[in-house]
Amino acid sequence: MNPLYRLSITVFAIAFLLIFAIGFVGGRYFPDLANPIFLYPFVLGVLLIPIGFQKRVTLKNLEEADRKIPELLRDISDYAMFGVPLSDAFLRVGKNSYGPLDAEIKAVRSKVLMGAPIEEALDGFGSALNSENVKRAGFILKKAAETGSNTSDVISMLSEFINQIEILREQRKVEMANYDLILMISFAVFLIVVAIIDLRFFSVLRPSSSSLLSFQGASTFLIETAFALAIYGEAIGIGAIIGIIRDRSVLSGFLEIGGMLMVSSMILLIIGGL
């Protein structure tokens, strides 16, 4: 089973236990904790954080593998330049460390040691990591081994090409980090504004609820609920946008979504009790 799915099942179970513990047990002593406006977003945040963290770790692992590809290809190209066959080159680079690529290299090395031709040993290279760049590198290495001519030049050009892609991706990540910061600041500003309105505006309205010009209690509650839902909606939207911009994956933004939901629900719980 995929580790992410296994973690999701575990976290869902923990979330239900939290709902029971906070809503039914803690609610007896602290009634505000059983308020769905606080309880469900808080538990959802607890649920999403580990899933987002696991997804982030997986993506970081893939990025590290992609960064190591040019180094691996350069080493193989250097061996090929001096007439070392590709199979022997893999045996030699297998003694080095290339981070997340080590498992893939070890698999190829094991097949070669068992007598498999390098073309066959490279089948499925990168499938364990599920990285398109690693798979592409394995496919080109296989084709270079099949042709047998200019292997060093082909591998060297591939290394340079992938290295340029990695440089562009790093530049893009730096640029996108500024957008992520702007989005987080906009959420914080919105949350602060709502908190000020709740503390200043509604606190004045509640004592004068009998006045004809004042909001009725139910109307005040509906407005506060609408503000809370708007905060949670913005947290989910901003987190999803951050994940898509940064990693092209909504799951990558679950960490930010969970953090913003937990923080905002706790702030709303505190100001609601003041």
Protein backbone atom coordinates (compact mmCIF):
# COMPACT_ATOMS: atom_id res chain seq x y z
CA MET A 1 0.00 0.00 0.00
CA ASN A 2 1.20 3.52 -0.80
CA PRO A 3 2.66 5.14 2.37
CA LEU A 4 0.56 8.25 1.74
CA TYR A 5 -2.67 6.20 1.66
CA ARG A 6 -1.62 4.27 4.76
CA LEU A 7 -0.92 7.53 6.55
CA SER A 8 -4.27 8.95 5.41
CA ILE A 9 -6.17 6.01 6.91
CA THR A 10 -4.28 6.37 10.20
CA VAL A 11 -4.88 10.11 10.34
CA PHE A 12 -8.60 9.70 9.61
CA ALA A 13 -8.86 7.32 12.56
CA ILE A 14 -7.03 9.81 14.79
CA ALA A 15 -9.32 12.60 13.57
CA PHE A 16 -12.44 10.69 14.61
CA LEU A 17 -10.90 10.03 18.02
CA LEU A 18 -10.14 13.74 18.35
CA ILE A 19 -13.71 14.67 17.46
CA PHE A 20 -14.95 12.32 20.16
CA ALA A 21 -12.40 13.45 22.74
CA ILE A 22 -12.79 17.18 22.14
CA GLY A 23 -16.45 17.32 21.20
CA PHE A 24 -18.01 14.90 23.65
CA VAL A 25 -15.57 14.65 26.53
CA GLY A 26 -13.92 18.08 26.53
CA GLY A 27 -17.23 19.72 25.66
CA ARG A 28 -18.68 18.76 29.04
CA TYR A 29 -16.15 20.91 30.85
CA PHE A 30 -15.49 23.49 28.12
CA PRO A 31 -18.68 23.88 26.05
CA ASP A 32 -16.99 26.15 23.50
CA LEU A 33 -14.79 23.24 22.41
CA ALA A 34 -17.86 21.38 21.15
CA ASN A 35 -18.81 24.29 18.88
CA PRO A 36 -18.70 22.92 15.29
CA ILE A 37 -17.30 26.25 14.05
CA PHE A 38 -14.17 25.48 16.09
CA LEU A 39 -14.18 21.69 16.33
CA TYR A 40 -14.45 20.55 12.70
CA PRO A 41 -11.92 22.98 11.16
CA PHE A 42 -9.47 22.23 13.99
CA VAL A 43 -9.77 18.47 13.49
CA LEU A 44 -9.54 18.93 9.71
CA GLY A 45 -6.32 20.86 10.23
CA VAL A 46 -4.94 18.06 12.39
CA LEU A 47 -5.95 15.62 9.65
CA LEU A 48 -4.34 17.52 6.76
CA ILE A 49 -0.99 18.45 8.33
CA PRO A 50 0.57 14.94 8.38
CA ILE A 51 -0.77 14.18 4.89
CA GLY A 52 0.69 17.42 3.56
CA PHE A 53 3.96 16.78 5.37
CA GLN A 54 4.25 13.28 3.88
CA LYS A 55 3.52 14.64 0.41
CA ARG A 56 6.11 17.38 0.88
CA VAL A 57 8.74 14.82 1.95
CA THR A 58 7.93 12.70 -1.12
CA LEU A 59 8.27 15.69 -3.44
CA LYS A 60 11.52 16.76 -1.77
CA ASN A 61 12.84 13.25 -2.33
CA LEU A 62 11.95 13.46 -6.03
CA GLU A 63 13.57 16.87 -6.33
CA GLU A 64 16.74 15.56 -4.71
CA ALA A 65 16.75 12.61 -7.12
CA ASP A 66 16.37 14.98 -10.08
CA ARG A 67 19.27 17.10 -8.79
CA LYS A 68 21.48 14.02 -8.56
CA ILE A 69 20.80 12.83 -12.13
CA PRO A 70 23.35 15.19 -13.80
CA GLU A 71 26.04 14.10 -11.32
CA LEU A 72 25.33 10.43 -12.02
CA LEU A 73 25.34 10.98 -15.78
CA ARG A 74 28.60 12.95 -15.65
CA ASP A 75 30.30 10.12 -13.78
CA ILE A 76 29.00 7.53 -16.25
CA SER A 77 30.05 9.77 -19.16
CA ASP A 78 33.58 10.08 -17.74
CA TYR A 79 33.91 6.30 -17.57
CA ALA A 80 32.48 5.89 -21.08
CA MET A 81 34.92 8.49 -22.40
CA PHE A 82 37.80 6.18 -21.48
CA GLY A 83 36.19 3.20 -23.17
CA VAL A 84 34.59 1.62 -20.10
CA PRO A 85 31.41 -0.28 -21.10
CA LEU A 86 28.16 1.08 -19.71
CA SER A 87 27.59 -2.05 -17.63
CA ASP A 88 31.01 -1.68 -15.97
CA ALA A 89 30.38 2.04 -15.49
CA PHE A 90 27.24 1.23 -13.49
CA LEU A 91 29.19 -1.24 -11.39
CA ARG A 92 31.69 1.49 -10.54
CA VAL A 93 29.25 4.33 -9.88
CA GLY A 94 27.31 1.94 -7.64
CA LYS A 95 30.08 2.38 -5.09
CA ASN A 96 29.28 6.09 -4.83
CA SER A 97 26.29 7.74 -3.17
CA TYR A 98 23.68 9.62 -5.19
CA GLY A 99 21.03 10.09 -2.53
CA PRO A 100 17.57 8.85 -3.57
CA LEU A 101 19.05 7.36 -6.76
CA ASP A 102 21.05 4.78 -4.79
CA ALA A 103 18.20 2.25 -4.75
CA GLU A 104 17.72 2.53 -8.53
CA ILE A 105 21.47 2.20 -9.19
CA LYS A 106 21.69 -0.76 -6.82
CA ALA A 107 18.88 -2.52 -8.70
CA VAL A 108 20.68 -2.05 -12.06
CA ARG A 109 23.99 -3.11 -10.52
CA SER A 110 22.43 -6.30 -9.10
CA LYS A 111 21.00 -7.26 -12.49
CA VAL A 112 24.36 -6.66 -14.18
CA LEU A 113 26.16 -8.77 -11.58
CA MET A 114 23.71 -11.60 -12.27
CA GLY A 115 24.68 -11.48 -15.94
CA ALA A 116 21.85 -9.44 -17.42
CA PRO A 117 22.80 -7.13 -20.33
CA ILE A 118 22.79 -3.45 -19.45
CA GLU A 119 19.89 -2.81 -21.85
CA GLU A 120 17.73 -5.25 -19.88
CA ALA A 121 19.06 -4.07 -16.51
CA LEU A 122 17.95 -0.51 -17.29
CA ASP A 123 14.32 -1.58 -17.82
CA GLY A 124 12.19 0.12 -15.20
CA PHE A 125 14.94 2.50 -14.12
CA GLY A 126 13.22 5.26 -12.13
CA SER A 127 9.91 3.41 -11.69
CA ALA A 128 10.43 2.95 -7.93
CA LEU A 129 10.91 6.69 -7.46
CA ASN A 130 8.15 7.43 -9.98
CA SER A 131 10.17 10.36 -11.32
CA GLU A 132 9.68 11.25 -14.96
CA ASN A 133 13.16 12.76 -15.23
CA VAL A 134 14.81 9.62 -13.83
CA LYS A 135 12.73 7.42 -16.13
CA ARG A 136 13.68 9.60 -19.09
CA ALA A 137 17.37 9.38 -18.18
CA GLY A 138 17.11 5.59 -17.89
CA PHE A 139 15.39 5.33 -21.28
CA ILE A 140 18.07 7.42 -23.01
CA LEU A 141 20.85 5.45 -21.30
CA LYS A 142 19.24 2.26 -22.56
CA LYS A 143 19.05 3.58 -26.12
CA ALA A 144 22.66 4.79 -25.93
CA ALA A 145 23.74 1.32 -24.80
CA GLU A 146 21.81 -0.28 -27.67
CA THR A 147 23.43 1.92 -30.32
CA GLY A 148 26.89 1.62 -28.76
CA SER A 149 28.28 4.65 -30.58
CA ASN A 150 29.11 8.07 -29.11
CA THR A 151 27.78 6.90 -25.75
CA SER A 152 29.89 9.38 -23.82
CA ASP A 153 28.74 12.34 -25.94
CA VAL A 154 25.06 11.38 -25.65
CA ILE A 155 25.24 10.97 -21.88
CA SER A 156 27.19 14.21 -21.50
CA MET A 157 24.59 16.17 -23.50
CA LEU A 158 21.79 14.57 -21.48
CA SER A 159 23.54 15.55 -18.25
CA GLU A 160 23.88 19.16 -19.40
CA PHE A 161 20.25 19.30 -20.54
CA ILE A 162 18.88 17.99 -17.23
CA ASN A 163 21.20 20.31 -15.32
CA GLN A 164 19.78 23.32 -17.18
CA ILE A 165 16.25 22.16 -16.38
CA GLU A 166 17.15 21.94 -12.69
CA ILE A 167 18.63 25.45 -12.73
CA LEU A 168 15.43 26.85 -14.27
CA ARG A 169 13.30 24.99 -11.73
CA GLU A 170 15.32 26.35 -8.81
CA GLN A 171 14.91 29.88 -10.18
CA ARG A 172 11.18 29.34 -10.50
CA LYS A 173 10.95 28.08 -6.91
CA VAL A 174 12.67 31.22 -5.63
CA GLU A 175 10.23 33.40 -7.57
CA MET A 176 7.20 31.41 -6.41
CA ALA A 177 8.33 31.66 -2.77
CA ASN A 178 7.57 35.39 -2.91
CA TYR A 179 4.01 34.69 -4.07
CA ASP A 180 3.57 32.14 -1.28
CA LEU A 181 4.65 34.75 1.27
CA ILE A 182 2.24 37.33 -0.15
CA LEU A 183 -0.65 34.86 0.04
CA MET A 184 0.14 33.95 3.65
CA ILE A 185 0.37 37.63 4.62
CA SER A 186 -2.99 38.35 2.95
CA PHE A 187 -4.58 35.55 4.99
CA ALA A 188 -3.04 36.87 8.22
CA VAL A 189 -4.33 40.39 7.48
CA PHE A 190 -7.83 39.08 6.78
CA LEU A 191 -7.80 37.05 10.00
CA ILE A 192 -6.65 40.05 12.05
CA VAL A 193 -9.34 42.29 10.52
CA VAL A 194 -12.07 39.75 11.34
CA ALA A 195 -10.71 39.38 14.89
CA ILE A 196 -10.79 43.16 15.39
CA ILE A 197 -14.34 43.36 14.04
CA ASP A 198 -15.43 40.57 16.37
CA LEU A 199 -13.78 42.11 19.43
CA ARG A 200 -14.75 45.73 18.79
CA PHE A 201 -17.88 45.75 16.65
CA PHE A 202 -19.88 42.77 17.88
CA SER A 203 -18.92 43.35 21.52
CA VAL A 204 -20.67 46.73 21.28
CA LEU A 205 -23.73 45.25 19.58
CA ARG A 206 -24.35 42.42 22.04
CA PRO A 207 -25.13 44.55 25.11
CA SER A 208 -27.57 46.66 23.11
CA SER A 209 -29.39 43.74 21.53
CA SER A 210 -32.71 45.06 22.83
CA SER A 211 -32.39 48.26 20.83
CA LEU A 212 -34.51 48.57 17.71
CA LEU A 213 -31.48 49.76 15.75
CA SER A 214 -29.22 46.92 16.84
CA PHE A 215 -28.70 43.56 15.27
CA GLN A 216 -30.76 40.75 16.70
CA GLY A 217 -28.80 38.02 18.50
CA ALA A 218 -29.48 35.53 15.73
CA SER A 219 -28.31 37.97 13.07
CA THR A 220 -25.11 38.62 14.98
CA PHE A 221 -24.49 34.89 15.25
CA LEU A 222 -25.07 34.42 11.52
CA ILE A 223 -22.65 37.22 10.66
CA GLU A 224 -19.98 35.79 12.97
CA THR A 225 -20.51 32.36 11.43
CA ALA A 226 -20.22 33.82 7.93
CA PHE A 227 -16.94 35.51 8.88
CA ALA A 228 -15.60 32.25 10.33
CA LEU A 229 -16.55 30.29 7.22
CA ALA A 230 -14.94 32.97 5.05
CA ILE A 231 -11.70 32.60 7.01
CA TYR A 232 -11.73 28.82 6.64
CA GLY A 233 -12.59 29.09 2.96
CA GLU A 234 -9.71 31.49 2.36
CA ALA A 235 -7.34 29.19 4.28
CA ILE A 236 -8.30 26.24 2.08
CA GLY A 237 -8.10 28.30 -1.11
CA ILE A 238 -4.74 29.89 -0.31
CA GLY A 239 -3.22 26.56 0.75
CA ALA A 240 -4.41 24.89 -2.45
CA ILE A 241 -3.02 27.73 -4.58
CA ILE A 242 0.34 27.54 -2.77
CA GLY A 243 0.55 23.80 -3.44
CA ILE A 244 -0.31 24.23 -7.12
CA ILE A 245 2.09 27.14 -7.65
CA ARG A 246 4.98 25.53 -5.80
CA ASP A 247 4.71 21.84 -6.71
CA ARG A 248 1.74 21.58 -9.11
CA SER A 249 -0.01 19.48 -6.47
CA VAL A 250 -2.91 20.43 -4.19
CA LEU A 251 -1.74 17.77 -1.72
CA SER A 252 1.49 19.71 -1.28
CA GLY A 253 -0.56 22.61 0.10
CA PHE A 254 -2.28 20.46 2.74
CA LEU A 255 0.45 21.39 5.23
CA GLU A 256 -0.35 25.10 4.88
CA ILE A 257 -4.11 24.46 4.83
CA GLY A 258 -3.92 22.41 8.02
CA GLY A 259 -1.76 24.98 9.78
CA MET A 260 -4.01 27.91 8.82
CA LEU A 261 -7.17 26.02 9.82
CA MET A 262 -5.76 25.13 13.23
CA VAL A 263 -4.44 28.63 13.94
CA SER A 264 -7.57 30.42 12.74
CA SER A 265 -9.95 28.07 14.62
CA MET A 266 -7.99 28.55 17.86
CA ILE A 267 -7.97 32.34 17.43
CA LEU A 268 -11.71 32.37 16.77
CA LEU A 269 -12.25 30.18 19.84
CA ILE A 270 -10.24 32.58 22.00
CA ILE A 271 -11.87 35.78 20.79
CA GLY A 272 -15.29 34.12 21.00
CA GLY A 273 -14.75 33.55 24.69
CA LEU A 274 -13.57 37.08 25.43
